[in-house]
Amino acid sequence: SIWKSLLELDAKDRKLMQENSNPLKRKV
């Protein structure tokens, strides 16, 4: 369970960082 939760939280964080790094491109 902990192994899975670590990977899930990491995936969410990476997705959030990717959105944060280039939000203008997504909107345009």
mmCIF file of all heavy atoms, coordinates in Angstrom:
data_MODEL
# 
_entry.id   MODEL 
# 
loop_
_atom_site.group_PDB 
_atom_site.id 
_atom_site.type_symbol 
_atom_site.label_atom_id 
_atom_site.label_alt_id 
_atom_site.label_comp_id 
_atom_site.label_asym_id 
_atom_site.label_entity_id 
_atom_site.label_seq_id 
_atom_site.pdbx_PDB_ins_code 
_atom_site.Cartn_x 
_atom_site.Cartn_y 
_atom_site.Cartn_z 
_atom_site.occupancy 
_atom_site.B_iso_or_equiv 
_atom_site.pdbx_formal_charge 
_atom_site.auth_seq_id 
_atom_site.auth_comp_id 
_atom_site.auth_asym_id 
_atom_site.auth_atom_id 
_atom_site.pdbx_PDB_model_num 
ATOM 1   N N   . SER A 1 1  ? 0.823  -1.207 0.000   1.00 0.00 ? 1  SER A N   1 
ATOM 2   C CA  . SER A 1 1  ? 0.000  0.000  0.000   1.00 0.00 ? 1  SER A CA  1 
ATOM 3   C C   . SER A 1 1  ? 0.856  1.256  0.000   1.00 0.00 ? 1  SER A C   1 
ATOM 4   O O   . SER A 1 1  ? 0.594  2.210  -0.741  1.00 0.00 ? 1  SER A O   1 
ATOM 5   C CB  . SER A 1 1  ? -0.931 0.006  1.219   1.00 0.00 ? 1  SER A CB  1 
ATOM 6   O OG  . SER A 1 1  ? -1.850 -1.055 1.167   1.00 0.00 ? 1  SER A OG  1 
ATOM 7   N N   . ILE A 1 2  ? 1.886  1.271  0.835   1.00 0.00 ? 2  ILE A N   1 
ATOM 8   C CA  . ILE A 1 2  ? 2.759  2.447  0.904   1.00 0.00 ? 2  ILE A CA  1 
ATOM 9   C C   . ILE A 1 2  ? 3.526  2.617  -0.399  1.00 0.00 ? 2  ILE A C   1 
ATOM 10  O O   . ILE A 1 2  ? 3.690  3.734  -0.903  1.00 0.00 ? 2  ILE A O   1 
ATOM 11  C CB  . ILE A 1 2  ? 3.719  2.314  2.102   1.00 0.00 ? 2  ILE A CB  1 
ATOM 12  C CG1 . ILE A 1 2  ? 2.932  2.411  3.401   1.00 0.00 ? 2  ILE A CG1 1 
ATOM 13  C CG2 . ILE A 1 2  ? 4.781  3.399  2.067   1.00 0.00 ? 2  ILE A CG2 1 
ATOM 14  C CD1 . ILE A 1 2  ? 3.754  2.138  4.635   1.00 0.00 ? 2  ILE A CD1 1 
ATOM 15  N N   . TRP A 1 3  ? 4.011  1.519  -0.943  1.00 0.00 ? 3  TRP A N   1 
ATOM 16  C CA  . TRP A 1 3  ? 4.727  1.583  -2.228  1.00 0.00 ? 3  TRP A CA  1 
ATOM 17  C C   . TRP A 1 3  ? 3.828  2.185  -3.301  1.00 0.00 ? 3  TRP A C   1 
ATOM 18  O O   . TRP A 1 3  ? 4.247  3.068  -4.050  1.00 0.00 ? 3  TRP A O   1 
ATOM 19  C CB  . TRP A 1 3  ? 5.157  0.166  -2.613  1.00 0.00 ? 3  TRP A CB  1 
ATOM 20  C CG  . TRP A 1 3  ? 5.799  0.042  -3.958  1.00 0.00 ? 3  TRP A CG  1 
ATOM 21  C CD1 . TRP A 1 3  ? 7.049  0.423  -4.314  1.00 0.00 ? 3  TRP A CD1 1 
ATOM 22  C CD2 . TRP A 1 3  ? 5.202  -0.513 -5.142  1.00 0.00 ? 3  TRP A CD2 1 
ATOM 23  N NE1 . TRP A 1 3  ? 7.286  0.140  -5.640  1.00 0.00 ? 3  TRP A NE1 1 
ATOM 24  C CE2 . TRP A 1 3  ? 6.161  -0.439 -6.170  1.00 0.00 ? 3  TRP A CE2 1 
ATOM 25  C CE3 . TRP A 1 3  ? 3.954  -1.068 -5.419  1.00 0.00 ? 3  TRP A CE3 1 
ATOM 26  C CZ2 . TRP A 1 3  ? 5.912  -0.892 -7.452  1.00 0.00 ? 3  TRP A CZ2 1 
ATOM 27  C CZ3 . TRP A 1 3  ? 3.712  -1.527 -6.696  1.00 0.00 ? 3  TRP A CZ3 1 
ATOM 28  C CH2 . TRP A 1 3  ? 4.675  -1.438 -7.704  1.00 0.00 ? 3  TRP A CH2 1 
ATOM 29  N N   . LYS A 1 4  ? 2.572  1.730  -3.365  1.00 0.00 ? 4  LYS A N   1 
ATOM 30  C CA  . LYS A 1 4  ? 1.643  2.250  -4.361  1.00 0.00 ? 4  LYS A CA  1 
ATOM 31  C C   . LYS A 1 4  ? 1.325  3.718  -4.106  1.00 0.00 ? 4  LYS A C   1 
ATOM 32  O O   . LYS A 1 4  ? 1.285  4.528  -5.033  1.00 0.00 ? 4  LYS A O   1 
ATOM 33  C CB  . LYS A 1 4  ? 0.358  1.426  -4.364  1.00 0.00 ? 4  LYS A CB  1 
ATOM 34  C CG  . LYS A 1 4  ? -0.635 1.861  -5.442  1.00 0.00 ? 4  LYS A CG  1 
ATOM 35  C CD  . LYS A 1 4  ? -1.844 0.947  -5.476  1.00 0.00 ? 4  LYS A CD  1 
ATOM 36  C CE  . LYS A 1 4  ? -2.827 1.415  -6.557  1.00 0.00 ? 4  LYS A CE  1 
ATOM 37  N NZ  . LYS A 1 4  ? -4.024 0.557  -6.637  1.00 0.00 ? 4  LYS A NZ  1 
ATOM 38  N N   . SER A 1 5  ? 1.123  4.093  -2.828  1.00 0.00 ? 5  SER A N   1 
ATOM 39  C CA  . SER A 1 5  ? 0.782  5.481  -2.520  1.00 0.00 ? 5  SER A CA  1 
ATOM 40  C C   . SER A 1 5  ? 1.939  6.419  -2.839  1.00 0.00 ? 5  SER A C   1 
ATOM 41  O O   . SER A 1 5  ? 1.732  7.545  -3.301  1.00 0.00 ? 5  SER A O   1 
ATOM 42  C CB  . SER A 1 5  ? 0.382  5.617  -1.050  1.00 0.00 ? 5  SER A CB  1 
ATOM 43  O OG  . SER A 1 5  ? 1.477  5.377  -0.195  1.00 0.00 ? 5  SER A OG  1 
ATOM 44  N N   . LEU A 1 6  ? 3.167  5.968  -2.606  1.00 0.00 ? 6  LEU A N   1 
ATOM 45  C CA  . LEU A 1 6  ? 4.333  6.770  -2.967  1.00 0.00 ? 6  LEU A CA  1 
ATOM 46  C C   . LEU A 1 6  ? 4.348  7.074  -4.460  1.00 0.00 ? 6  LEU A C   1 
ATOM 47  O O   . LEU A 1 6  ? 4.565  8.211  -4.886  1.00 0.00 ? 6  LEU A O   1 
ATOM 48  C CB  . LEU A 1 6  ? 5.617  6.035  -2.578  1.00 0.00 ? 6  LEU A CB  1 
ATOM 49  C CG  . LEU A 1 6  ? 6.061  6.097  -1.121  1.00 0.00 ? 6  LEU A CG  1 
ATOM 50  C CD1 . LEU A 1 6  ? 7.199  5.116  -0.886  1.00 0.00 ? 6  LEU A CD1 1 
ATOM 51  C CD2 . LEU A 1 6  ? 6.501  7.504  -0.756  1.00 0.00 ? 6  LEU A CD2 1 
ATOM 52  N N   . LEU A 1 7  ? 4.109  6.042  -5.260  1.00 0.00 ? 7  LEU A N   1 
ATOM 53  C CA  . LEU A 1 7  ? 4.128  6.220  -6.710  1.00 0.00 ? 7  LEU A CA  1 
ATOM 54  C C   . LEU A 1 7  ? 2.964  7.097  -7.172  1.00 0.00 ? 7  LEU A C   1 
ATOM 55  O O   . LEU A 1 7  ? 3.119  7.920  -8.085  1.00 0.00 ? 7  LEU A O   1 
ATOM 56  C CB  . LEU A 1 7  ? 4.079  4.866  -7.412  1.00 0.00 ? 7  LEU A CB  1 
ATOM 57  C CG  . LEU A 1 7  ? 5.249  3.914  -7.127  1.00 0.00 ? 7  LEU A CG  1 
ATOM 58  C CD1 . LEU A 1 7  ? 5.097  2.630  -7.917  1.00 0.00 ? 7  LEU A CD1 1 
ATOM 59  C CD2 . LEU A 1 7  ? 6.581  4.579  -7.454  1.00 0.00 ? 7  LEU A CD2 1 
ATOM 60  N N   . GLU A 1 8  ? 1.783  6.935  -6.561  1.00 0.00 ? 8  GLU A N   1 
ATOM 61  C CA  . GLU A 1 8  ? 0.622  7.741  -6.943  1.00 0.00 ? 8  GLU A CA  1 
ATOM 62  C C   . GLU A 1 8  ? 0.834  9.213  -6.612  1.00 0.00 ? 8  GLU A C   1 
ATOM 63  O O   . GLU A 1 8  ? 0.553  10.104 -7.428  1.00 0.00 ? 8  GLU A O   1 
ATOM 64  C CB  . GLU A 1 8  ? -0.627 7.218  -6.242  1.00 0.00 ? 8  GLU A CB  1 
ATOM 65  C CG  . GLU A 1 8  ? -1.135 5.895  -6.798  1.00 0.00 ? 8  GLU A CG  1 
ATOM 66  C CD  . GLU A 1 8  ? -2.344 5.371  -6.032  1.00 0.00 ? 8  GLU A CD  1 
ATOM 67  O OE1 . GLU A 1 8  ? -2.628 5.916  -4.945  1.00 0.00 ? 8  GLU A OE1 1 
ATOM 68  O OE2 . GLU A 1 8  ? -2.981 4.424  -6.523  1.00 0.00 ? 8  GLU A OE2 1 
ATOM 69  N N   . LEU A 1 9  ? 1.348  9.497  -5.417  1.00 0.00 ? 9  LEU A N   1 
ATOM 70  C CA  . LEU A 1 9  ? 1.614  10.881 -5.038  1.00 0.00 ? 9  LEU A CA  1 
ATOM 71  C C   . LEU A 1 9  ? 2.688  11.497 -5.915  1.00 0.00 ? 9  LEU A C   1 
ATOM 72  O O   . LEU A 1 9  ? 2.620  12.660 -6.292  1.00 0.00 ? 9  LEU A O   1 
ATOM 73  C CB  . LEU A 1 9  ? 2.027  10.943 -3.563  1.00 0.00 ? 9  LEU A CB  1 
ATOM 74  C CG  . LEU A 1 9  ? 0.914  10.700 -2.548  1.00 0.00 ? 9  LEU A CG  1 
ATOM 75  C CD1 . LEU A 1 9  ? 1.494  10.560 -1.148  1.00 0.00 ? 9  LEU A CD1 1 
ATOM 76  C CD2 . LEU A 1 9  ? -0.112 11.819 -2.581  1.00 0.00 ? 9  LEU A CD2 1 
ATOM 77  N N   . ASP A 1 10 ? 3.703  10.684 -6.256  1.00 0.00 ? 10 ASP A N   1 
ATOM 78  C CA  . ASP A 1 10 ? 4.764  11.179 -7.128  1.00 0.00 ? 10 ASP A CA  1 
ATOM 79  C C   . ASP A 1 10 ? 4.214  11.499 -8.509  1.00 0.00 ? 10 ASP A C   1 
ATOM 80  O O   . ASP A 1 10 ? 4.569  12.526 -9.112  1.00 0.00 ? 10 ASP A O   1 
ATOM 81  C CB  . ASP A 1 10 ? 5.868  10.129 -7.234  1.00 0.00 ? 10 ASP A CB  1 
ATOM 82  C CG  . ASP A 1 10 ? 7.032  10.594 -8.089  1.00 0.00 ? 10 ASP A CG  1 
ATOM 83  O OD1 . ASP A 1 10 ? 7.599  11.650 -7.768  1.00 0.00 ? 10 ASP A OD1 1 
ATOM 84  O OD2 . ASP A 1 10 ? 7.360  9.912  -9.076  1.00 0.00 ? 10 ASP A OD2 1 
ATOM 85  N N   . ALA A 1 11 ? 3.336  10.656 -9.038  1.00 0.00 ? 11 ALA A N   1 
ATOM 86  C CA  . ALA A 1 11 ? 2.748  10.904 -10.356 1.00 0.00 ? 11 ALA A CA  1 
ATOM 87  C C   . ALA A 1 11 ? 1.908  12.187 -10.347 1.00 0.00 ? 11 ALA A C   1 
ATOM 88  O O   . ALA A 1 11 ? 1.951  12.981 -11.283 1.00 0.00 ? 11 ALA A O   1 
ATOM 89  C CB  . ALA A 1 11 ? 1.898  9.713  -10.781 1.00 0.00 ? 11 ALA A CB  1 
ATOM 90  N N   . LYS A 1 12 ? 1.137  12.398 -9.265  1.00 0.00 ? 12 LYS A N   1 
ATOM 91  C CA  . LYS A 1 12 ? 0.329  13.627 -9.158  1.00 0.00 ? 12 LYS A CA  1 
ATOM 92  C C   . LYS A 1 12 ? 1.218  14.857 -9.086  1.00 0.00 ? 12 LYS A C   1 
ATOM 93  O O   . LYS A 1 12 ? 0.930  15.885 -9.705  1.00 0.00 ? 12 LYS A O   1 
ATOM 94  C CB  . LYS A 1 12 ? -0.569 13.539 -7.925  1.00 0.00 ? 12 LYS A CB  1 
ATOM 95  C CG  . LYS A 1 12 ? -1.673 12.500 -8.035  1.00 0.00 ? 12 LYS A CG  1 
ATOM 96  C CD  . LYS A 1 12 ? -2.472 12.428 -6.733  1.00 0.00 ? 12 LYS A CD  1 
ATOM 97  C CE  . LYS A 1 12 ? -3.542 11.340 -6.805  1.00 0.00 ? 12 LYS A CE  1 
ATOM 98  N NZ  . LYS A 1 12 ? -4.290 11.209 -5.525  1.00 0.00 ? 12 LYS A NZ  1 
ATOM 99  N N   . ASP A 1 13 ? 2.291  14.775 -8.305  1.00 0.00 ? 13 ASP A N   1 
ATOM 100 C CA  . ASP A 1 13 ? 3.209  15.910 -8.184  1.00 0.00 ? 13 ASP A CA  1 
ATOM 101 C C   . ASP A 1 13 ? 3.864  16.236 -9.520  1.00 0.00 ? 13 ASP A C   1 
ATOM 102 O O   . ASP A 1 13 ? 4.003  17.399 -9.900  1.00 0.00 ? 13 ASP A O   1 
ATOM 103 C CB  . ASP A 1 13 ? 4.282  15.610 -7.136  1.00 0.00 ? 13 ASP A CB  1 
ATOM 104 C CG  . ASP A 1 13 ? 3.739  15.736 -5.724  1.00 0.00 ? 13 ASP A CG  1 
ATOM 105 O OD1 . ASP A 1 13 ? 2.633  16.280 -5.571  1.00 0.00 ? 13 ASP A OD1 1 
ATOM 106 O OD2 . ASP A 1 13 ? 4.414  15.288 -4.783  1.00 0.00 ? 13 ASP A OD2 1 
ATOM 107 N N   . ARG A 1 14 ? 4.292  15.190 -10.255 1.00 0.00 ? 14 ARG A N   1 
ATOM 108 C CA  . ARG A 1 14 ? 4.933  15.434 -11.550 1.00 0.00 ? 14 ARG A CA  1 
ATOM 109 C C   . ARG A 1 14 ? 3.954  16.045 -12.541 1.00 0.00 ? 14 ARG A C   1 
ATOM 110 O O   . ARG A 1 14 ? 4.303  16.935 -13.319 1.00 0.00 ? 14 ARG A O   1 
ATOM 111 C CB  . ARG A 1 14 ? 5.520  14.130 -12.092 1.00 0.00 ? 14 ARG A CB  1 
ATOM 112 C CG  . ARG A 1 14 ? 6.820  13.734 -11.418 1.00 0.00 ? 14 ARG A CG  1 
ATOM 113 C CD  . ARG A 1 14 ? 7.519  12.566 -12.093 1.00 0.00 ? 14 ARG A CD  1 
ATOM 114 N NE  . ARG A 1 14 ? 6.877  11.300 -11.791 1.00 0.00 ? 14 ARG A NE  1 
ATOM 115 C CZ  . ARG A 1 14 ? 6.143  10.604 -12.629 1.00 0.00 ? 14 ARG A CZ  1 
ATOM 116 N NH1 . ARG A 1 14 ? 5.941  11.054 -13.859 1.00 0.00 ? 14 ARG A NH1 1 
ATOM 117 N NH2 . ARG A 1 14 ? 5.602  9.457  -12.271 1.00 0.00 ? 14 ARG A NH2 1 
ATOM 118 N N   . LYS A 1 15 ? 2.697  15.595 -12.519 1.00 0.00 ? 15 LYS A N   1 
ATOM 119 C CA  . LYS A 1 15 ? 1.685  16.160 -13.402 1.00 0.00 ? 15 LYS A CA  1 
ATOM 120 C C   . LYS A 1 15 ? 1.424  17.620 -13.066 1.00 0.00 ? 15 LYS A C   1 
ATOM 121 O O   . LYS A 1 15 ? 1.312  18.474 -13.952 1.00 0.00 ? 15 LYS A O   1 
ATOM 122 C CB  . LYS A 1 15 ? 0.395  15.352 -13.287 1.00 0.00 ? 15 LYS A CB  1 
ATOM 123 C CG  . LYS A 1 15 ? -0.709 15.843 -14.215 1.00 0.00 ? 15 LYS A CG  1 
ATOM 124 C CD  . LYS A 1 15 ? -1.954 14.970 -14.078 1.00 0.00 ? 15 LYS A CD  1 
ATOM 125 C CE  . LYS A 1 15 ? -3.071 15.471 -14.997 1.00 0.00 ? 15 LYS A CE  1 
ATOM 126 N NZ  . LYS A 1 15 ? -4.300 14.646 -14.860 1.00 0.00 ? 15 LYS A NZ  1 
ATOM 127 N N   . LEU A 1 16 ? 1.354  17.921 -11.770 1.00 0.00 ? 16 LEU A N   1 
ATOM 128 C CA  . LEU A 1 16 ? 1.134  19.293 -11.333 1.00 0.00 ? 16 LEU A CA  1 
ATOM 129 C C   . LEU A 1 16 ? 2.290  20.187 -11.735 1.00 0.00 ? 16 LEU A C   1 
ATOM 130 O O   . LEU A 1 16 ? 2.084  21.321 -12.179 1.00 0.00 ? 16 LEU A O   1 
ATOM 131 C CB  . LEU A 1 16 ? 0.944  19.313 -9.808  1.00 0.00 ? 16 LEU A CB  1 
ATOM 132 C CG  . LEU A 1 16 ? 0.503  20.639 -9.181  1.00 0.00 ? 16 LEU A CG  1 
ATOM 133 C CD1 . LEU A 1 16 ? -0.846 21.076 -9.743  1.00 0.00 ? 16 LEU A CD1 1 
ATOM 134 C CD2 . LEU A 1 16 ? 0.428  20.499 -7.670  1.00 0.00 ? 16 LEU A CD2 1 
ATOM 135 N N   . MET A 1 17 ? 3.513  19.686 -11.606 1.00 0.00 ? 17 MET A N   1 
ATOM 136 C CA  . MET A 1 17 ? 4.689  20.468 -11.991 1.00 0.00 ? 17 MET A CA  1 
ATOM 137 C C   . MET A 1 17 ? 4.723  20.723 -13.494 1.00 0.00 ? 17 MET A C   1 
ATOM 138 O O   . MET A 1 17 ? 5.095  21.795 -13.954 1.00 0.00 ? 17 MET A O   1 
ATOM 139 C CB  . MET A 1 17 ? 5.961  19.754 -11.548 1.00 0.00 ? 17 MET A CB  1 
ATOM 140 C CG  . MET A 1 17 ? 6.179  19.775 -10.055 1.00 0.00 ? 17 MET A CG  1 
ATOM 141 S SD  . MET A 1 17 ? 7.684  18.899 -9.580  1.00 0.00 ? 17 MET A SD  1 
ATOM 142 C CE  . MET A 1 17 ? 7.648  19.168 -7.804  1.00 0.00 ? 17 MET A CE  1 
ATOM 143 N N   . GLN A 1 18 ? 4.326  19.710 -14.273 1.00 0.00 ? 18 GLN A N   1 
ATOM 144 C CA  . GLN A 1 18 ? 4.299  19.887 -15.725 1.00 0.00 ? 18 GLN A CA  1 
ATOM 145 C C   . GLN A 1 18 ? 3.279  20.937 -16.130 1.00 0.00 ? 18 GLN A C   1 
ATOM 146 O O   . GLN A 1 18 ? 3.528  21.769 -17.003 1.00 0.00 ? 18 GLN A O   1 
ATOM 147 C CB  . GLN A 1 18 ? 3.984  18.553 -16.399 1.00 0.00 ? 18 GLN A CB  1 
ATOM 148 C CG  . GLN A 1 18 ? 5.117  17.548 -16.327 1.00 0.00 ? 18 GLN A CG  1 
ATOM 149 C CD  . GLN A 1 18 ? 4.721  16.173 -16.838 1.00 0.00 ? 18 GLN A CD  1 
ATOM 150 O OE1 . GLN A 1 18 ? 3.564  15.951 -17.192 1.00 0.00 ? 18 GLN A OE1 1 
ATOM 151 N NE2 . GLN A 1 18 ? 5.667  15.251 -16.852 1.00 0.00 ? 18 GLN A NE2 1 
ATOM 152 N N   . GLU A 1 19 ? 2.110  20.920 -15.490 1.00 0.00 ? 19 GLU A N   1 
ATOM 153 C CA  . GLU A 1 19 ? 1.095  21.935 -15.771 1.00 0.00 ? 19 GLU A CA  1 
ATOM 154 C C   . GLU A 1 19 ? 1.574  23.317 -15.351 1.00 0.00 ? 19 GLU A C   1 
ATOM 155 O O   . GLU A 1 19 ? 1.341  24.304 -16.029 1.00 0.00 ? 19 GLU A O   1 
ATOM 156 C CB  . GLU A 1 19 ? -0.202 21.583 -15.036 1.00 0.00 ? 19 GLU A CB  1 
ATOM 157 C CG  . GLU A 1 19 ? -0.891 20.332 -15.566 1.00 0.00 ? 19 GLU A CG  1 
ATOM 158 C CD  . GLU A 1 19 ? -2.084 19.939 -14.722 1.00 0.00 ? 19 GLU A CD  1 
ATOM 159 O OE1 . GLU A 1 19 ? -2.245 20.541 -13.626 1.00 0.00 ? 19 GLU A OE1 1 
ATOM 160 O OE2 . GLU A 1 19 ? -2.847 19.056 -15.135 1.00 0.00 ? 19 GLU A OE2 1 
ATOM 161 N N   . ASN A 1 20 ? 2.275  23.357 -14.235 1.00 0.00 ? 20 ASN A N   1 
ATOM 162 C CA  . ASN A 1 20 ? 2.755  24.626 -13.722 1.00 0.00 ? 20 ASN A CA  1 
ATOM 163 C C   . ASN A 1 20 ? 3.869  25.204 -14.578 1.00 0.00 ? 20 ASN A C   1 
ATOM 164 O O   . ASN A 1 20 ? 4.024  26.417 -14.685 1.00 0.00 ? 20 ASN A O   1 
ATOM 165 C CB  . ASN A 1 20 ? 3.253  24.441 -12.285 1.00 0.00 ? 20 ASN A CB  1 
ATOM 166 C CG  . ASN A 1 20 ? 3.469  25.760 -11.564 1.00 0.00 ? 20 ASN A CG  1 
ATOM 167 O OD1 . ASN A 1 20 ? 2.865  26.765 -11.921 1.00 0.00 ? 20 ASN A OD1 1 
ATOM 168 N ND2 . ASN A 1 20 ? 4.316  25.740 -10.560 1.00 0.00 ? 20 ASN A ND2 1 
ATOM 169 N N   . SER A 1 21 ? 4.658  24.317 -15.208 1.00 0.00 ? 21 SER A N   1 
ATOM 170 C CA  . SER A 1 21 ? 5.800  24.779 -15.984 1.00 0.00 ? 21 SER A CA  1 
ATOM 171 C C   . SER A 1 21 ? 5.399  25.419 -17.301 1.00 0.00 ? 21 SER A C   1 
ATOM 172 O O   . SER A 1 21 ? 6.118  26.248 -17.833 1.00 0.00 ? 21 SER A O   1 
ATOM 173 C CB  . SER A 1 21 ? 6.749  23.603 -16.262 1.00 0.00 ? 21 SER A CB  1 
ATOM 174 O OG  . SER A 1 21 ? 6.114  22.655 -17.101 1.00 0.00 ? 21 SER A OG  1 
ATOM 175 N N   . ASN A 1 22 ? 4.222  25.061 -17.877 1.00 0.00 ? 22 ASN A N   1 
ATOM 176 C CA  . ASN A 1 22 ? 3.819  25.625 -19.164 1.00 0.00 ? 22 ASN A CA  1 
ATOM 177 C C   . ASN A 1 22 ? 2.302  25.765 -19.259 1.00 0.00 ? 22 ASN A C   1 
ATOM 178 O O   . ASN A 1 22 ? 1.676  25.227 -20.166 1.00 0.00 ? 22 ASN A O   1 
ATOM 179 C CB  . ASN A 1 22 ? 4.333  24.727 -20.299 1.00 0.00 ? 22 ASN A CB  1 
ATOM 180 C CG  . ASN A 1 22 ? 4.420  25.483 -21.613 1.00 0.00 ? 22 ASN A CG  1 
ATOM 181 O OD1 . ASN A 1 22 ? 4.101  26.676 -21.678 1.00 0.00 ? 22 ASN A OD1 1 
ATOM 182 N ND2 . ASN A 1 22 ? 4.845  24.798 -22.656 1.00 0.00 ? 22 ASN A ND2 1 
ATOM 183 N N   . PRO A 1 23 ? 1.680  26.524 -18.350 1.00 0.00 ? 23 PRO A N   1 
ATOM 184 C CA  . PRO A 1 23 ? 0.228  26.660 -18.394 1.00 0.00 ? 23 PRO A CA  1 
ATOM 185 C C   . PRO A 1 23 ? -0.251 27.464 -19.587 1.00 0.00 ? 23 PRO A C   1 
ATOM 186 O O   . PRO A 1 23 ? -1.323 27.227 -20.115 1.00 0.00 ? 23 PRO A O   1 
ATOM 187 C CB  . PRO A 1 23 ? -0.089 27.388 -17.081 1.00 0.00 ? 23 PRO A CB  1 
ATOM 188 C CG  . PRO A 1 23 ? 1.153  28.130 -16.755 1.00 0.00 ? 23 PRO A CG  1 
ATOM 189 C CD  . PRO A 1 23 ? 2.276  27.274 -17.239 1.00 0.00 ? 23 PRO A CD  1 
ATOM 190 N N   . LEU A 1 24 ? 0.552  28.417 -20.063 1.00 0.00 ? 24 LEU A N   1 
ATOM 191 C CA  . LEU A 1 24 ? 0.149  29.280 -21.166 1.00 0.00 ? 24 LEU A CA  1 
ATOM 192 C C   . LEU A 1 24 ? -0.071 28.476 -22.438 1.00 0.00 ? 24 LEU A C   1 
ATOM 193 O O   . LEU A 1 24 ? -1.049 28.664 -23.149 1.00 0.00 ? 24 LEU A O   1 
ATOM 194 C CB  . LEU A 1 24 ? 1.222  30.348 -21.408 1.00 0.00 ? 24 LEU A CB  1 
ATOM 195 C CG  . LEU A 1 24 ? 0.959  31.326 -22.563 1.00 0.00 ? 24 LEU A CG  1 
ATOM 196 C CD1 . LEU A 1 24 ? -0.348 32.079 -22.329 1.00 0.00 ? 24 LEU A CD1 1 
ATOM 197 C CD2 . LEU A 1 24 ? 2.110  32.290 -22.718 1.00 0.00 ? 24 LEU A CD2 1 
ATOM 198 N N   . LYS A 1 25 ? 0.835  27.526 -22.693 1.00 0.00 ? 25 LYS A N   1 
ATOM 199 C CA  . LYS A 1 25 ? 0.729  26.725 -23.918 1.00 0.00 ? 25 LYS A CA  1 
ATOM 200 C C   . LYS A 1 25 ? -0.572 25.925 -23.926 1.00 0.00 ? 25 LYS A C   1 
ATOM 201 O O   . LYS A 1 25 ? -1.252 25.836 -24.937 1.00 0.00 ? 25 LYS A O   1 
ATOM 202 C CB  . LYS A 1 25 ? 1.924  25.778 -24.014 1.00 0.00 ? 25 LYS A CB  1 
ATOM 203 C CG  . LYS A 1 25 ? 1.908  24.915 -25.268 1.00 0.00 ? 25 LYS A CG  1 
ATOM 204 C CD  . LYS A 1 25 ? 3.148  24.049 -25.324 1.00 0.00 ? 25 LYS A CD  1 
ATOM 205 C CE  . LYS A 1 25 ? 3.136  23.179 -26.573 1.00 0.00 ? 25 LYS A CE  1 
ATOM 206 N NZ  . LYS A 1 25 ? 4.321  22.322 -26.654 1.00 0.00 ? 25 LYS A NZ  1 
ATOM 207 N N   . ARG A 1 26 ? -0.932 25.350 -22.769 1.00 0.00 ? 26 ARG A N   1 
ATOM 208 C CA  . ARG A 1 26 ? -2.153 24.555 -22.696 1.00 0.00 ? 26 ARG A CA  1 
ATOM 209 C C   . ARG A 1 26 ? -3.379 25.415 -22.975 1.00 0.00 ? 26 ARG A C   1 
ATOM 210 O O   . ARG A 1 26 ? -4.285 25.016 -23.694 1.00 0.00 ? 26 ARG A O   1 
ATOM 211 C CB  . ARG A 1 26 ? -2.248 23.914 -21.312 1.00 0.00 ? 26 ARG A CB  1 
ATOM 212 C CG  . ARG A 1 26 ? -3.440 23.023 -21.122 1.00 0.00 ? 26 ARG A CG  1 
ATOM 213 C CD  . ARG A 1 26 ? -3.322 22.229 -19.824 1.00 0.00 ? 26 ARG A CD  1 
ATOM 214 N NE  . ARG A 1 26 ? -3.131 23.072 -18.665 1.00 0.00 ? 26 ARG A NE  1 
ATOM 215 C CZ  . ARG A 1 26 ? -4.146 23.647 -18.012 1.00 0.00 ? 26 ARG A CZ  1 
ATOM 216 N NH1 . ARG A 1 26 ? -5.389 23.452 -18.411 1.00 0.00 ? 26 ARG A NH1 1 
ATOM 217 N NH2 . ARG A 1 26 ? -3.923 24.405 -16.959 1.00 0.00 ? 26 ARG A NH2 1 
ATOM 218 N N   . LYS A 1 27 ? -3.432 26.623 -22.421 1.00 0.00 ? 27 LYS A N   1 
ATOM 219 C CA  . LYS A 1 27 ? -4.578 27.495 -22.612 1.00 0.00 ? 27 LYS A CA  1 
ATOM 220 C C   . LYS A 1 27 ? -4.671 27.999 -24.046 1.00 0.00 ? 27 LYS A C   1 
ATOM 221 O O   . LYS A 1 27 ? -5.735 28.066 -24.637 1.00 0.00 ? 27 LYS A O   1 
ATOM 222 C CB  . LYS A 1 27 ? -4.476 28.690 -21.664 1.00 0.00 ? 27 LYS A CB  1 
ATOM 223 C CG  . LYS A 1 27 ? -4.847 28.360 -20.218 1.00 0.00 ? 27 LYS A CG  1 
ATOM 224 C CD  . LYS A 1 27 ? -6.333 28.092 -20.098 1.00 0.00 ? 27 LYS A CD  1 
ATOM 225 C CE  . LYS A 1 27 ? -6.742 27.859 -18.658 1.00 0.00 ? 27 LYS A CE  1 
ATOM 226 N NZ  . LYS A 1 27 ? -8.179 27.576 -18.546 1.00 0.00 ? 27 LYS A NZ  1 
ATOM 227 N N   . VAL A 1 28 ? -3.525 28.367 -24.595 1.00 0.00 ? 28 VAL A N   1 
ATOM 228 C CA  . VAL A 1 28 ? -3.534 28.911 -25.952 1.00 0.00 ? 28 VAL A CA  1 
ATOM 229 C C   . VAL A 1 28 ? -3.952 27.855 -26.961 1.00 0.00 ? 28 VAL A C   1 
ATOM 230 O O   . VAL A 1 28 ? -4.723 28.124 -27.872 1.00 0.00 ? 28 VAL A O   1 
ATOM 231 C CB  . VAL A 1 28 ? -2.137 29.474 -26.301 1.00 0.00 ? 28 VAL A CB  1 
ATOM 232 C CG1 . VAL A 1 28 ? -2.059 29.820 -27.779 1.00 0.00 ? 28 VAL A CG1 1 
ATOM 233 C CG2 . VAL A 1 28 ? -1.858 30.703 -25.454 1.00 0.00 ? 28 VAL A CG2 1 
# 
